[in-house]
Amino acid sequence: CPPLQACEPFVLVLTSALILGTRPSIPLTLSLVPVVMGVSIASATELCFNWLGFLSAMASNLASALRNTYSKACLKDARGDLSSVNLLAILSMQSAVMMIP
């Protein structure tokens, strides 16, 4: 479901609002409308829609949005001790550990 991956910014704004309590600006919200409309049209006209693909794509969007929200929260809480490169290294190590069966 490649069109659903385009909804990642929408999911990111949603998770940031729910978890961090940030309120998106009106221009940001309005800029997401064409993206959501386009994904809706592309998904509605998809000939071979299946729920497993849809749920997998949305889970991927959610995981990516949660990672970005977590990164934003960590950088906000860090008092100059954590650079974005160090944070990327830490998140990569955590992700690698989570992938171990």
Protein backbone atom coordinates (compact mmCIF):
# COMPACT_ATOMS: atom_id res chain seq x y z
CA CYS A 1 0.00 0.00 0.00
CA PRO A 2 2.43 2.71 -1.11
CA PRO A 3 -0.23 5.45 -1.07
CA LEU A 4 -0.83 4.84 2.63
CA GLN A 5 2.82 5.59 3.38
CA ALA A 6 2.04 9.15 2.26
CA CYS A 7 -0.18 9.46 5.35
CA GLU A 8 2.83 9.34 7.66
CA PRO A 9 2.87 13.15 8.19
CA PHE A 10 -0.80 12.99 9.22
CA VAL A 11 -0.11 10.19 11.70
CA LEU A 12 2.92 12.11 13.02
CA VAL A 13 0.83 15.22 13.68
CA LEU A 14 -1.79 13.06 15.39
CA THR A 15 0.70 11.28 17.65
CA SER A 16 2.48 14.53 18.51
CA ALA A 17 -0.84 16.06 19.51
CA LEU A 18 -1.87 13.06 21.58
CA ILE A 19 1.46 12.28 23.25
CA LEU A 20 3.27 15.61 23.47
CA GLY A 21 0.18 17.78 23.68
CA THR A 22 1.31 19.99 20.81
CA ARG A 23 -1.32 21.74 18.76
CA PRO A 24 -0.69 21.83 15.01
CA SER A 25 -0.92 25.20 13.30
CA ILE A 26 -3.75 25.94 10.88
CA PRO A 27 -1.42 26.07 7.83
CA LEU A 28 0.04 22.68 8.80
CA THR A 29 -3.41 21.19 9.23
CA LEU A 30 -4.58 22.62 5.91
CA SER A 31 -1.49 21.26 4.15
CA LEU A 32 -2.40 17.74 5.29
CA VAL A 33 -5.88 17.88 3.73
CA PRO A 34 -4.72 17.30 0.10
CA VAL A 35 -2.48 14.44 1.25
CA VAL A 36 -5.30 12.67 3.09
CA MET A 37 -7.72 13.32 0.21
CA GLY A 38 -5.23 11.93 -2.32
CA VAL A 39 -4.58 8.81 -0.26
CA SER A 40 -8.33 8.32 0.20
CA ILE A 41 -8.96 8.55 -3.55
CA ALA A 42 -6.03 6.27 -4.37
CA SER A 43 -7.15 3.70 -1.81
CA ALA A 44 -10.79 3.81 -2.86
CA THR A 45 -9.90 3.09 -6.47
CA GLU A 46 -7.46 0.30 -5.62
CA LEU A 47 -8.57 -2.89 -7.33
CA CYS A 48 -6.86 -5.35 -5.03
CA PHE A 49 -7.39 -3.83 -1.56
CA ASN A 50 -6.68 -6.15 1.32
CA TRP A 51 -6.91 -5.50 5.03
CA LEU A 52 -3.59 -7.12 5.92
CA GLY A 53 -1.74 -4.72 3.62
CA PHE A 54 -3.72 -1.77 4.96
CA LEU A 55 -3.06 -2.67 8.59
CA SER A 56 0.63 -3.34 7.91
CA ALA A 57 1.07 0.03 6.22
CA MET A 58 -0.74 1.82 9.04
CA ALA A 59 1.36 -0.03 11.63
CA SER A 60 4.49 1.11 9.79
CA ASN A 61 3.18 4.70 9.77
CA LEU A 62 2.41 4.51 13.47
CA ALA A 63 5.81 3.04 14.37
CA SER A 64 7.63 5.73 12.39
CA ALA A 65 5.50 8.49 13.89
CA LEU A 66 6.07 7.17 17.42
CA ARG A 67 9.83 7.04 16.79
CA ASN A 68 9.79 10.65 15.60
CA THR A 69 7.63 11.75 18.52
CA TYR A 70 9.93 9.95 20.97
CA SER A 71 12.95 11.61 19.36
CA LYS A 72 11.31 15.02 19.61
CA ALA A 73 10.52 14.44 23.29
CA CYS A 74 14.08 13.25 24.03
CA LEU A 75 15.68 16.21 22.27
CA LYS A 76 13.36 18.60 24.08
CA ASP A 77 14.20 17.08 27.47
CA ALA A 78 17.95 16.86 26.83
CA ARG A 79 19.79 19.86 28.18
CA GLY A 80 22.48 20.08 25.52
CA ASP A 81 23.86 16.65 26.39
CA LEU A 82 22.28 14.85 23.47
CA SER A 83 22.82 15.80 19.85
CA SER A 84 20.58 14.58 17.07
CA VAL A 85 23.34 12.26 15.82
CA ASN A 86 23.74 10.68 19.27
CA LEU A 87 20.00 10.27 19.54
CA LEU A 88 19.92 8.54 16.14
CA ALA A 89 22.65 6.16 17.33
CA ILE A 90 20.75 5.37 20.54
CA LEU A 91 17.47 4.78 18.70
CA SER A 92 19.24 2.57 16.15
CA MET A 93 20.71 0.44 18.92
CA GLN A 94 17.33 0.16 20.66
CA SER A 95 15.72 -0.85 17.37
CA ALA A 96 18.36 -3.50 16.77
CA VAL A 97 17.78 -4.97 20.23
CA MET A 98 14.01 -5.03 19.63
CA MET A 99 14.54 -7.01 16.42
CA ILE A 100 16.33 -9.84 18.22
CA PRO A 101 13.91 -12.78 18.40
